[in-house]
């Protein structure tokens, strides 16, 4: 296991992007064993991912929503 990876099973990562007029919805699904790592302690990793997505979306004048699917 490489400690630099966010997930242990990258082949089980699925990302679906749905773009609307003002909003981009990113659905993220990972292996159930990796779910805790993606969410992080007290949701810190998920919050960081959402912050990055929001910053990128703001640059193109949109709002981003990250949904982590169980």
PDB file of N, CA and C in Angstrom:
ATOM      1  N   UNK A   1       0.835  -1.187   0.000  1.00  0.00           N
ATOM      2  CA  UNK A   1       0.000   0.000   0.000  1.00  0.00           C
ATOM      3  C   UNK A   1       0.877   1.247   0.000  1.00  0.00           C
ATOM      4  N   UNK A   2       0.589   2.155  -0.887  1.00  0.00           N
ATOM      5  CA  UNK A   2       1.286   3.430  -0.959  1.00  0.00           C
ATOM      6  C   UNK A   2       0.501   4.449  -0.142  1.00  0.00           C
ATOM      7  N   UNK A   3       1.117   5.034   0.844  1.00  0.00           N
ATOM      8  CA  UNK A   3       0.407   5.959   1.729  1.00  0.00           C
ATOM      9  C   UNK A   3       0.091   7.293   1.053  1.00  0.00           C
ATOM     10  N   UNK A   4       0.574   7.510  -0.175  1.00  0.00           N
ATOM     11  CA  UNK A   4       0.288   8.751  -0.892  1.00  0.00           C
ATOM     12  C   UNK A   4      -1.024   8.692  -1.652  1.00  0.00           C
ATOM     13  N   UNK A   5      -1.651   7.531  -1.729  1.00  0.00           N
ATOM     14  CA  UNK A   5      -2.894   7.383  -2.455  1.00  0.00           C
ATOM     15  C   UNK A   5      -4.075   7.697  -1.536  1.00  0.00           C
ATOM     16  N   UNK A   6      -5.082   8.303  -2.138  1.00  0.00           N
ATOM     17  CA  UNK A   6      -6.292   8.581  -1.374  1.00  0.00           C
ATOM     18  C   UNK A   6      -7.137   7.313  -1.231  1.00  0.00           C
ATOM     19  N   UNK A   7      -7.077   6.443  -2.244  1.00  0.00           N
ATOM     20  CA  UNK A   7      -7.837   5.184  -2.193  1.00  0.00           C
ATOM     21  C   UNK A   7      -6.896   4.013  -2.436  1.00  0.00           C
ATOM     22  N   UNK A   8      -7.239   2.870  -1.869  1.00  0.00           N
ATOM     23  CA  UNK A   8      -6.447   1.656  -2.069  1.00  0.00           C
ATOM     24  C   UNK A   8      -6.841   0.932  -3.349  1.00  0.00           C
ATOM     25  N   UNK A   9      -8.077   1.137  -3.792  1.00  0.00           N
ATOM     26  CA  UNK A   9      -8.582   0.452  -4.975  1.00  0.00           C
ATOM     27  C   UNK A   9      -9.021   1.480  -6.028  1.00  0.00           C
ATOM     28  N   UNK A  10      -8.074   2.051  -6.782  1.00  0.00           N
ATOM     29  CA  UNK A  10      -8.425   3.098  -7.752  1.00  0.00           C
ATOM     30  C   UNK A  10      -9.311   2.590  -8.896  1.00  0.00           C
ATOM     31  N   UNK A  11      -9.300   1.294  -9.166  1.00  0.00           N
ATOM     32  CA  UNK A  11     -10.149   0.752 -10.228  1.00  0.00           C
ATOM     33  C   UNK A  11     -11.634   0.800  -9.866  1.00  0.00           C
ATOM     34  N   UNK A  12     -11.941   0.974  -8.602  1.00  0.00           N
ATOM     35  CA  UNK A  12     -13.333   1.020  -8.151  1.00  0.00           C
ATOM     36  C   UNK A  12     -13.854   2.454  -8.023  1.00  0.00           C
ATOM     37  N   UNK A  13     -13.075   3.423  -8.473  1.00  0.00           N
ATOM     38  CA  UNK A  13     -13.482   4.824  -8.384  1.00  0.00           C
ATOM     39  C   UNK A  13     -14.287   5.189  -9.629  1.00  0.00           C
ATOM     40  N   UNK A  14     -15.480   5.719  -9.420  1.00  0.00           N
ATOM     41  CA  UNK A  14     -16.337   6.166 -10.511  1.00  0.00           C
ATOM     42  C   UNK A  14     -16.732   7.611 -10.264  1.00  0.00           C
ATOM     43  N   UNK A  15     -16.578   8.425 -11.282  1.00  0.00           N
ATOM     44  CA  UNK A  15     -16.937   9.831 -11.190  1.00  0.00           C
ATOM     45  C   UNK A  15     -17.911  10.140 -12.321  1.00  0.00           C
ATOM     46  N   UNK A  16     -19.039  10.731 -11.966  1.00  0.00           N
ATOM     47  CA  UNK A  16     -20.027  11.141 -12.959  1.00  0.00           C
ATOM     48  C   UNK A  16     -20.257  12.635 -12.782  1.00  0.00           C
ATOM     49  N   UNK A  17     -20.122  13.362 -13.875  1.00  0.00           N
ATOM     50  CA  UNK A  17     -20.319  14.810 -13.848  1.00  0.00           C
ATOM     51  C   UNK A  17     -21.609  15.142 -14.579  1.00  0.00           C
ATOM     52  N   UNK A  18     -22.456  15.913 -13.918  1.00  0.00           N
ATOM     53  CA  UNK A  18     -23.690  16.395 -14.520  1.00  0.00           C
ATOM     54  C   UNK A  18     -23.636  17.917 -14.485  1.00  0.00           C
ATOM     55  N   UNK A  19     -23.661  18.515 -15.657  1.00  0.00           N
ATOM     56  CA  UNK A  19     -23.521  19.974 -15.718  1.00  0.00           C
ATOM     57  C   UNK A  19     -24.841  20.611 -16.099  1.00  0.00           C
ATOM     58  N   UNK A  20     -25.271  21.523 -15.257  1.00  0.00           N
ATOM     59  CA  UNK A  20     -26.467  22.302 -15.530  1.00  0.00           C
ATOM     60  C   UNK A  20     -26.069  23.703 -15.942  1.00  0.00           C
ATOM     61  N   UNK A  21     -27.054  24.577 -16.026  1.00  0.00           N
ATOM     62  CA  UNK A  21     -26.790  25.951 -16.456  1.00  0.00           C
ATOM     63  C   UNK A  21     -25.883  26.689 -15.473  1.00  0.00           C
ATOM     64  N   UNK A  22     -26.135  26.494 -14.189  1.00  0.00           N
ATOM     65  CA  UNK A  22     -25.358  27.209 -13.167  1.00  0.00           C
ATOM     66  C   UNK A  22     -24.607  26.300 -12.207  1.00  0.00           C
ATOM     67  N   UNK A  23     -24.908  25.010 -12.251  1.00  0.00           N
ATOM     68  CA  UNK A  23     -24.356  24.087 -11.257  1.00  0.00           C
ATOM     69  C   UNK A  23     -23.735  22.865 -11.928  1.00  0.00           C
ATOM     70  N   UNK A  24     -22.633  22.412 -11.357  1.00  0.00           N
ATOM     71  CA  UNK A  24     -22.004  21.166 -11.767  1.00  0.00           C
ATOM     72  C   UNK A  24     -22.107  20.204 -10.592  1.00  0.00           C
ATOM     73  N   UNK A  25     -22.667  19.035 -10.847  1.00  0.00           N
ATOM     74  CA  UNK A  25     -22.782  18.019  -9.801  1.00  0.00           C
ATOM     75  C   UNK A  25     -21.784  16.912 -10.120  1.00  0.00           C
ATOM     76  N   UNK A  26     -20.924  16.637  -9.157  1.00  0.00           N
ATOM     77  CA  UNK A  26     -19.944  15.560  -9.289  1.00  0.00           C
ATOM     78  C   UNK A  26     -20.352  14.455  -8.328  1.00  0.00           C
ATOM     79  N   UNK A  27     -20.641  13.289  -8.875  1.00  0.00           N
ATOM     80  CA  UNK A  27     -20.957  12.123  -8.046  1.00  0.00           C
ATOM     81  C   UNK A  27     -19.712  11.252  -7.984  1.00  0.00           C
ATOM     82  N   UNK A  28     -19.271  10.953  -6.784  1.00  0.00           N
ATOM     83  CA  UNK A  28     -18.067  10.161  -6.558  1.00  0.00           C
ATOM     84  C   UNK A  28     -18.442   8.874  -5.846  1.00  0.00           C
ATOM     85  N   UNK A  29     -18.067   7.746  -6.451  1.00  0.00           N
ATOM     86  CA  UNK A  29     -18.314   6.455  -5.822  1.00  0.00           C
ATOM     87  C   UNK A  29     -16.986   5.730  -5.722  1.00  0.00           C
ATOM     88  N   UNK A  30     -16.691   5.196  -4.539  1.00  0.00           N
ATOM     89  CA  UNK A  30     -15.442   4.471  -4.304  1.00  0.00           C
ATOM     90  C   UNK A  30     -15.764   3.122  -3.673  1.00  0.00           C
ATOM     91  N   UNK A  31     -14.754   2.279  -3.612  1.00  0.00           N
ATOM     92  CA  UNK A  31     -14.896   0.989  -2.939  1.00  0.00           C
ATOM     93  C   UNK A  31     -15.336   1.250  -1.496  1.00  0.00           C
ATOM     94  N   UNK A  32     -16.279   0.469  -0.966  1.00  0.00           N
ATOM     95  CA  UNK A  32     -16.735   0.679   0.415  1.00  0.00           C
ATOM     96  C   UNK A  32     -15.589   0.708   1.436  1.00  0.00           C
ATOM     97  N   UNK A  33     -14.520  -0.017   1.168  1.00  0.00           N
ATOM     98  CA  UNK A  33     -13.371  -0.016   2.092  1.00  0.00           C
ATOM     99  C   UNK A  33     -12.637   1.313   2.080  1.00  0.00           C
ATOM    100  N   UNK A  34     -12.764   2.077   0.995  1.00  0.00           N
ATOM    101  CA  UNK A  34     -12.078   3.367   0.862  1.00  0.00           C
ATOM    102  C   UNK A  34     -12.941   4.549   1.276  1.00  0.00           C
ATOM    103  N   UNK A  35     -14.203   4.310   1.537  1.00  0.00           N
ATOM    104  CA  UNK A  35     -15.135   5.392   1.841  1.00  0.00           C
ATOM    105  C   UNK A  35     -14.670   6.247   3.022  1.00  0.00           C
ATOM    106  N   UNK A  36     -14.200   5.601   4.070  1.00  0.00           N
ATOM    107  CA  UNK A  36     -13.726   6.337   5.246  1.00  0.00           C
ATOM    108  C   UNK A  36     -12.536   7.224   4.934  1.00  0.00           C
ATOM    109  N   UNK A  37     -11.640   6.752   4.063  1.00  0.00           N
ATOM    110  CA  UNK A  37     -10.475   7.553   3.693  1.00  0.00           C
ATOM    111  C   UNK A  37     -10.886   8.768   2.878  1.00  0.00           C
ATOM    112  N   UNK A  38     -11.875   8.597   1.997  1.00  0.00           N
ATOM    113  CA  UNK A  38     -12.324   9.697   1.148  1.00  0.00           C
ATOM    114  C   UNK A  38     -13.048  10.761   1.981  1.00  0.00           C
ATOM    115  N   UNK A  39     -13.806  10.306   2.958  1.00  0.00           N
ATOM    116  CA  UNK A  39     -14.505  11.258   3.826  1.00  0.00           C
ATOM    117  C   UNK A  39     -13.525  11.894   4.807  1.00  0.00           C
ATOM    118  N   UNK A  40     -12.626  11.115   5.369  1.00  0.00           N
ATOM    119  CA  UNK A  40     -11.622  11.644   6.286  1.00  0.00           C
ATOM    120  C   UNK A  40     -12.154  11.824   7.690  1.00  0.00           C
ATOM    121  N   UNK A  41     -11.237  12.124   8.573  1.00  0.00           N
ATOM    122  CA  UNK A  41     -11.634  12.352   9.967  1.00  0.00           C
ATOM    123  C   UNK A  41     -12.472  13.607  10.058  1.00  0.00           C
ATOM    124  N   UNK A  42     -13.641  13.457  10.660  1.00  0.00           N
ATOM    125  CA  UNK A  42     -14.604  14.539  10.820  1.00  0.00           C
ATOM    126  C   UNK A  42     -14.924  15.211   9.486  1.00  0.00           C
ATOM    127  N   UNK A  43     -14.807  14.453   8.396  1.00  0.00           N
ATOM    128  CA  UNK A  43     -15.165  14.972   7.086  1.00  0.00           C
ATOM    129  C   UNK A  43     -14.164  15.931   6.468  1.00  0.00           C
ATOM    130  N   UNK A  44     -12.957  15.967   6.999  1.00  0.00           N
ATOM    131  CA  UNK A  44     -11.972  16.953   6.525  1.00  0.00           C
ATOM    132  C   UNK A  44     -11.556  16.745   5.076  1.00  0.00           C
ATOM    133  N   UNK A  45     -11.342  15.494   4.675  1.00  0.00           N
ATOM    134  CA  UNK A  45     -10.917  15.236   3.295  1.00  0.00           C
ATOM    135  C   UNK A  45     -12.037  15.588   2.325  1.00  0.00           C
ATOM    136  N   UNK A  46     -13.257  15.191   2.637  1.00  0.00           N
ATOM    137  CA  UNK A  46     -14.398  15.526   1.786  1.00  0.00           C
ATOM    138  C   UNK A  46     -14.569  17.042   1.698  1.00  0.00           C
ATOM    139  N   UNK A  47     -14.390  17.724   2.797  1.00  0.00           N
ATOM    140  CA  UNK A  47     -14.519  19.185   2.801  1.00  0.00           C
ATOM    141  C   UNK A  47     -13.440  19.815   1.921  1.00  0.00           C
ATOM    142  N   UNK A  48     -12.218  19.285   1.977  1.00  0.00           N
ATOM    143  CA  UNK A  48     -11.134  19.799   1.144  1.00  0.00           C
ATOM    144  C   UNK A  48     -11.437  19.568  -0.339  1.00  0.00           C
ATOM    145  N   UNK A  49     -11.954  18.381  -0.668  1.00  0.00           N
ATOM    146  CA  UNK A  49     -12.335  18.100  -2.052  1.00  0.00           C
ATOM    147  C   UNK A  49     -13.416  19.067  -2.523  1.00  0.00           C
ATOM    148  N   UNK A  50     -14.386  19.330  -1.675  1.00  0.00           N
ATOM    149  CA  UNK A  50     -15.465  20.264  -2.030  1.00  0.00           C
ATOM    150  C   UNK A  50     -14.937  21.680  -2.213  1.00  0.00           C
ATOM    151  N   UNK A  51     -13.980  22.074  -1.386  1.00  0.00           N
ATOM    152  CA  UNK A  51     -13.383  23.403  -1.511  1.00  0.00           C
ATOM    153  C   UNK A  51     -12.654  23.549  -2.840  1.00  0.00           C
ATOM    154  N   UNK A  52     -11.884  22.534  -3.218  1.00  0.00           N
ATOM    155  CA  UNK A  52     -11.175  22.571  -4.503  1.00  0.00           C
ATOM    156  C   UNK A  52     -12.148  22.626  -5.676  1.00  0.00           C
ATOM    157  N   UNK A  53     -13.193  21.811  -5.626  1.00  0.00           N
ATOM    158  CA  UNK A  53     -14.183  21.829  -6.696  1.00  0.00           C
ATOM    159  C   UNK A  53     -14.883  23.179  -6.794  1.00  0.00           C
ATOM    160  N   UNK A  54     -15.212  23.751  -5.655  1.00  0.00           N
ATOM    161  CA  UNK A  54     -15.876  25.056  -5.654  1.00  0.00           C
ATOM    162  C   UNK A  54     -14.984  26.137  -6.249  1.00  0.00           C
ATOM    163  N   UNK A  55     -13.707  26.097  -5.913  1.00  0.00           N
ATOM    164  CA  UNK A  55     -12.769  27.088  -6.453  1.00  0.00           C
ATOM    165  C   UNK A  55     -12.658  26.952  -7.967  1.00  0.00           C
ATOM    166  N   UNK A  56     -12.566  25.722  -8.450  1.00  0.00           N
ATOM    167  CA  UNK A  56     -12.470  25.499  -9.901  1.00  0.00           C
ATOM    168  C   UNK A  56     -13.759  25.920 -10.599  1.00  0.00           C
ATOM    169  N   UNK A  57     -14.902  25.618 -10.007  1.00  0.00           N
ATOM    170  CA  UNK A  57     -16.187  25.970 -10.615  1.00  0.00           C
ATOM    171  C   UNK A  57     -16.394  27.478 -10.629  1.00  0.00           C
ATOM    172  N   UNK A  58     -15.957  28.144  -9.582  1.00  0.00           N
ATOM    173  CA  UNK A  58     -16.092  29.595  -9.505  1.00  0.00           C
ATOM    174  C   UNK A  58     -15.346  30.266 -10.653  1.00  0.00           C
ATOM    175  N   UNK A  59     -14.220  29.702 -11.044  1.00  0.00           N
ATOM    176  CA  UNK A  59     -13.434  30.263 -12.156  1.00  0.00           C
ATOM    177  C   UNK A  59     -14.220  30.261 -13.462  1.00  0.00           C
ATOM    178  N   UNK A  60     -15.141  29.319 -13.610  1.00  0.00           N
ATOM    179  CA  UNK A  60     -15.941  29.274 -14.836  1.00  0.00           C
ATOM    180  C   UNK A  60     -17.371  29.780 -14.590  1.00  0.00           C
ATOM    181  N   UNK A  61     -17.563  30.428 -13.451  1.00  0.00           N
ATOM    182  CA  UNK A  61     -18.846  31.060 -13.151  1.00  0.00           C
ATOM    183  C   UNK A  61     -19.957  30.098 -12.773  1.00  0.00           C
ATOM    184  N   UNK A  62     -19.592  28.989 -12.183  1.00  0.00           N
ATOM    185  CA  UNK A  62     -20.603  28.007 -11.789  1.00  0.00           C
ATOM    186  C   UNK A  62     -20.444  27.635 -10.323  1.00  0.00           C
ATOM    187  N   UNK A  63     -21.376  26.829  -9.853  1.00  0.00           N
ATOM    188  CA  UNK A  63     -21.357  26.310  -8.491  1.00  0.00           C
ATOM    189  C   UNK A  63     -21.146  24.805  -8.594  1.00  0.00           C
ATOM    190  N   UNK A  64     -20.325  24.241  -7.722  1.00  0.00           N
ATOM    191  CA  UNK A  64     -20.053  22.810  -7.755  1.00  0.00           C
ATOM    192  C   UNK A  64     -20.594  22.123  -6.513  1.00  0.00           C
ATOM    193  N   UNK A  65     -21.122  20.925  -6.718  1.00  0.00           N
ATOM    194  CA  UNK A  65     -21.633  20.103  -5.624  1.00  0.00           C
ATOM    195  C   UNK A  65     -20.962  18.738  -5.743  1.00  0.00           C
ATOM    196  N   UNK A  66     -20.371  18.278  -4.661  1.00  0.00           N
ATOM    197  CA  UNK A  66     -19.779  16.944  -4.621  1.00  0.00           C
ATOM    198  C   UNK A  66     -20.672  16.036  -3.806  1.00  0.00           C
ATOM    199  N   UNK A  67     -21.127  14.966  -4.447  1.00  0.00           N
ATOM    200  CA  UNK A  67     -21.929  13.962  -3.746  1.00  0.00           C
ATOM    201  C   UNK A  67     -21.096  12.688  -3.672  1.00  0.00           C
ATOM    202  N   UNK A  68     -20.845  12.226  -2.460  1.00  0.00           N
ATOM    203  CA  UNK A  68     -20.103  10.974  -2.267  1.00  0.00           C
ATOM    204  C   UNK A  68     -21.159   9.887  -2.084  1.00  0.00           C
ATOM    205  N   UNK A  69     -21.181   8.960  -3.043  1.00  0.00           N
ATOM    206  CA  UNK A  69     -22.186   7.911  -3.069  1.00  0.00           C
ATOM    207  C   UNK A  69     -21.674   6.683  -2.318  1.00  0.00           C
ATOM    208  N   UNK A  70     -22.517   6.167  -1.420  1.00  0.00           N
ATOM    209  CA  UNK A  70     -22.145   4.964  -0.669  1.00  0.00           C
ATOM    210  C   UNK A  70     -22.468   3.717  -1.449  1.00  0.00           C
TER     211      UNK A  70
END
